[in-house]
């Protein structure tokens, strides 16, 4: 299930990037610009929901004494 969420989030972000590129690079009519902007807002909301669901899943997996406990994530990969 986590893998599906990752793929969905990646697909959503790719669509959002495409929408942003379209708005940045193309000469669109006002109506087309508004439609692309609206589509971008929907994609942002969808990505936020997917991220919140993933966060809830992580919190529910980390339990201390039967209670969910949020712990900071530390990326230990070298930069």
Foldseek 3Di string as FASTA:
>chain_A
DVVVLVVVLVVLVVLLVVLVCCLVPDDDDPVVNVVSVVVNVVSVVVNVVSVVVVQVVVQVVDDDPNHRDDDDDDDPDDD
